Protein backbone atom coordinates (compact mmCIF):
# COMPACT_ATOMS: atom_id res chain seq x y z
CA MET A 1 32.18 -13.47 4.39
CA ALA A 2 30.16 -11.42 1.92
CA VAL A 3 27.19 -9.49 3.23
CA ARG A 4 24.12 -9.52 0.99
CA ARG A 5 21.83 -6.56 0.72
CA SER A 6 18.56 -7.02 2.60
CA THR A 7 16.59 -6.96 -0.68
CA GLU A 8 18.58 -9.96 -1.94
CA VAL A 9 17.91 -11.85 1.30
CA VAL A 10 14.19 -11.08 1.11
CA ALA A 11 14.02 -12.16 -2.54
CA GLY A 12 15.82 -15.42 -1.72
CA SER A 13 13.52 -16.07 1.24
CA ARG A 14 10.45 -15.50 -0.92
CA ARG A 15 11.65 -18.00 -3.51
CA ALA A 16 12.39 -20.58 -0.81
CA LEU A 17 9.01 -20.12 0.87
CA ARG A 18 7.09 -20.25 -2.40
CA GLY A 19 8.86 -23.47 -3.32
CA ALA A 20 8.27 -25.09 0.09
CA CYS A 21 4.69 -23.94 0.61
CA ARG A 22 2.65 -24.50 -2.54
CA THR A 23 -0.66 -23.88 -0.80
CA THR A 24 -3.68 -21.98 -2.06
CA ALA A 25 -6.05 -19.77 -0.09
CA ALA A 26 -8.24 -22.86 0.43
CA ASP A 27 -5.31 -24.56 2.17
CA ASP A 28 -4.78 -21.82 4.78
CA ALA A 29 -5.87 -24.20 7.55
CA ALA A 30 -2.71 -26.24 6.94
CA LEU A 31 -0.68 -23.33 8.30
CA ILE A 32 -2.11 -23.77 11.82
CA SER A 33 0.11 -26.76 12.51
CA ILE A 34 3.33 -25.35 11.03
CA VAL A 35 5.85 -24.35 13.69
CA HIS A 36 7.80 -21.41 12.34
CA THR A 37 10.37 -18.85 13.42
CA VAL A 38 10.06 -16.68 10.31
CA PRO A 39 6.79 -14.70 10.23
CA ILE A 40 4.26 -15.98 7.68
CA GLY A 41 2.45 -13.32 5.71
CA ALA A 42 -1.08 -13.32 4.33
CA ASP A 43 -0.91 -12.04 0.78
CA GLU A 44 -3.60 -13.44 -1.50
CA SER A 45 -5.47 -14.93 1.48
CA CYS A 46 -6.47 -11.58 2.92
CA HIS A 47 -7.65 -8.76 0.67
CA ASN A 48 -9.73 -6.82 3.19
CA SER A 49 -10.38 -6.53 6.90
CA SER A 50 -13.24 -9.05 6.93
CA GLY A 51 -10.89 -12.05 7.03
CA LEU A 52 -8.50 -10.86 9.73
CA VAL A 53 -10.08 -12.65 12.70
CA GLU A 54 -10.39 -15.97 10.86
CA LEU A 55 -6.77 -15.94 9.69
CA LYS A 56 -5.10 -14.91 12.98
CA ASP A 57 -3.97 -18.42 13.95
CA ARG A 58 -2.42 -18.91 10.48
CA TYR A 59 -0.55 -15.68 9.72
CA ASP A 60 1.68 -13.19 11.51
CA VAL A 61 1.86 -10.45 8.87
CA VAL A 62 -0.85 -8.94 6.66
CA ASN A 63 0.07 -7.57 3.22
CA ILE A 64 -2.10 -4.52 2.58
CA LYS A 65 -2.45 -3.52 -1.08
CA LEU A 66 -4.64 -0.51 -1.83
CA ASP A 67 -5.65 -1.95 -5.22
CA LYS A 68 -7.01 -5.12 -3.63
CA CYS A 69 -8.56 -3.88 -0.39
CA GLY A 70 -10.68 -1.09 -1.84
CA GLY A 71 -8.54 2.05 -1.71
CA LEU A 72 -6.93 4.27 0.89
CA THR A 73 -9.82 4.48 3.37
CA ALA A 74 -10.30 0.70 3.40
CA ALA A 75 -6.53 0.20 3.72
CA LEU A 76 -6.32 2.52 6.73
CA GLN A 77 -9.22 0.67 8.36
CA MET A 78 -7.58 -2.69 7.60
CA GLN A 79 -4.29 -1.48 9.06
CA ARG A 80 -5.97 -0.31 12.31
CA MET A 81 -7.86 -3.58 12.68
CA ALA A 82 -4.80 -5.72 11.86
CA LEU A 83 -2.62 -3.91 14.40
CA ALA A 84 -5.35 -4.20 17.06
CA GLN A 85 -5.41 -7.97 16.47
CA GLY A 86 -1.63 -8.30 16.79
CA TYR A 87 -0.65 -8.63 13.14
CA GLU A 88 2.43 -7.00 11.75
CA ILE A 89 1.97 -4.95 8.58
CA MET A 90 3.43 -5.22 5.11
CA VAL A 91 2.49 -2.54 2.60
CA GLY A 92 2.52 -4.04 -0.88
CA CYS A 93 1.42 -3.09 -4.35
CA MET A 94 0.49 -4.22 -7.81
CA VAL A 95 2.52 -3.17 -10.85
CA ASP A 96 1.33 0.40 -11.33
CA THR A 97 2.49 4.01 -11.60
CA SER A 98 3.59 6.38 -8.87
CA TRP A 99 0.00 7.64 -8.65
CA ALA A 100 -0.97 4.30 -7.10
CA MET A 101 2.06 4.12 -4.79
CA ALA A 102 1.89 7.64 -3.32
CA PRO A 103 -1.30 7.07 -1.25
CA ALA A 104 0.13 3.78 0.06
CA MET A 105 3.04 5.76 1.54
CA LEU A 106 0.62 6.84 4.29
CA LEU A 107 0.52 3.23 5.52
CA THR A 108 4.28 2.74 5.75
CA THR A 109 4.88 4.17 9.22
CA GLY A 110 5.34 1.22 11.52
CA ALA A 111 5.16 -1.37 8.73
CA ARG A 112 7.51 -4.34 9.04
CA VAL A 113 7.98 -4.52 5.26
CA VAL A 114 7.34 -1.95 2.53
CA ASP A 115 7.22 -3.24 -1.04
CA LEU A 116 6.08 -0.32 -3.21
CA ASP A 117 8.26 -1.06 -6.22
CA GLY A 118 5.46 -1.15 -8.82
CA PRO A 119 6.70 1.85 -10.82
CA LEU A 120 10.18 0.32 -11.04
CA LEU A 121 8.73 -2.67 -12.87
CA LEU A 122 7.21 -0.53 -15.64
CA ALA A 123 9.00 0.38 -18.86
CA ALA A 124 8.22 4.00 -17.97
CA ASP A 125 6.54 5.63 -14.98
CA ARG A 126 4.57 8.86 -15.19
CA ARG A 127 6.57 12.09 -14.88
CA PRO A 128 7.10 13.34 -12.34
CA GLY A 129 6.95 10.13 -10.36
CA LEU A 130 8.11 8.98 -6.96
CA GLU A 131 11.83 9.26 -6.32
CA TYR A 132 13.56 6.00 -5.42
CA ARG A 133 17.02 6.28 -3.84
CA GLY A 134 18.30 2.75 -3.31
CA THR A 135 15.88 1.22 -0.80
CA VAL A 136 14.36 4.58 0.22
CA ILE A 137 11.30 6.18 -1.36
CA ALA A 138 11.19 9.96 -1.03
CA PRO A 139 7.86 11.51 0.01
CA PRO A 140 5.72 12.40 -3.01
CA ARG A 141 6.15 15.91 -4.37
CA ALA A 142 3.08 18.05 -5.04
CA GLU A 143 3.79 17.90 -8.79
CA LEU A 144 3.06 14.16 -8.74
CA TRP A 145 -0.66 14.94 -8.60
CA GLY A 146 -0.67 17.18 -11.64
CA ARG A 147 0.04 20.65 -12.87
CA ILE A 148 0.37 23.23 -10.15
CA ARG A 149 -1.56 26.40 -10.98
CA SER A 150 -0.38 29.70 -9.64
CA PRO A 151 -3.03 31.93 -8.05
CA ALA A 152 -2.57 34.43 -10.90
CA THR A 153 -3.71 31.87 -13.51
CA ALA A 154 -6.43 30.22 -11.41
CA ASP A 155 -10.09 30.95 -12.11
CA THR A 156 -11.04 33.80 -9.77
CA ARG A 157 -14.51 32.34 -9.11
CA ALA A 158 -13.00 29.03 -7.92
CA ALA A 159 -10.28 30.81 -5.94
CA SER A 160 -12.74 32.83 -3.84
CA PRO A 161 -16.25 31.34 -3.98
CA SER A 162 -19.16 33.12 -2.40
CA ARG A 163 -21.40 31.45 0.17
CA GLU A 164 -24.09 31.05 -2.49
CA THR A 165 -21.66 29.31 -4.85
CA LEU A 166 -20.69 26.87 -2.09
CA SER A 167 -24.22 26.10 -0.96
CA ASP A 168 -25.45 25.59 -4.54
CA ALA A 169 -22.52 23.37 -5.55
CA PRO A 170 -23.26 19.68 -6.21
CA GLY A 171 -22.25 17.31 -3.39
CA GLY A 172 -23.30 19.52 -0.49
CA GLY A 173 -20.91 22.39 -1.00
CA ALA A 174 -17.94 20.58 -2.43
CA LEU A 175 -16.22 22.43 -5.24
CA ARG A 176 -14.93 20.65 -8.30
């Protein structure tokens, strides 16, 4: 008997579920009466934490996408609230570069499913990007965020600001 990779099984399951359940977000109530052994995940039905309570009797897993829920802070809040209400977590993404995937990596600990393959679907990702090794995503390297400046080439005023510089800076002391 041949053993299929887990990604092939998941892809096949997705196709089967999409074919069997052609519901829209407006039809979520139909899920209440479906007896199921495979967890049902809220994808397009739940974009932020405001709908979690209402959808609890319909879904078992919440797909958190930073692009749809409002960014990293909103995603972390949604994750905390979903876990507190007994949901399992899936961390998903839109098709985008490694810059969009790297912050979502913070949500992956304890997630049932991680689907951060957006950069793999692009003709070319930014360089340097995330490193994908089979089904594993390596933690983002510092270079992902941009050019790393050595202290010798950094502006000396920004490297060691005075108290006056900090207090006069826009945004209550935050440096740019």
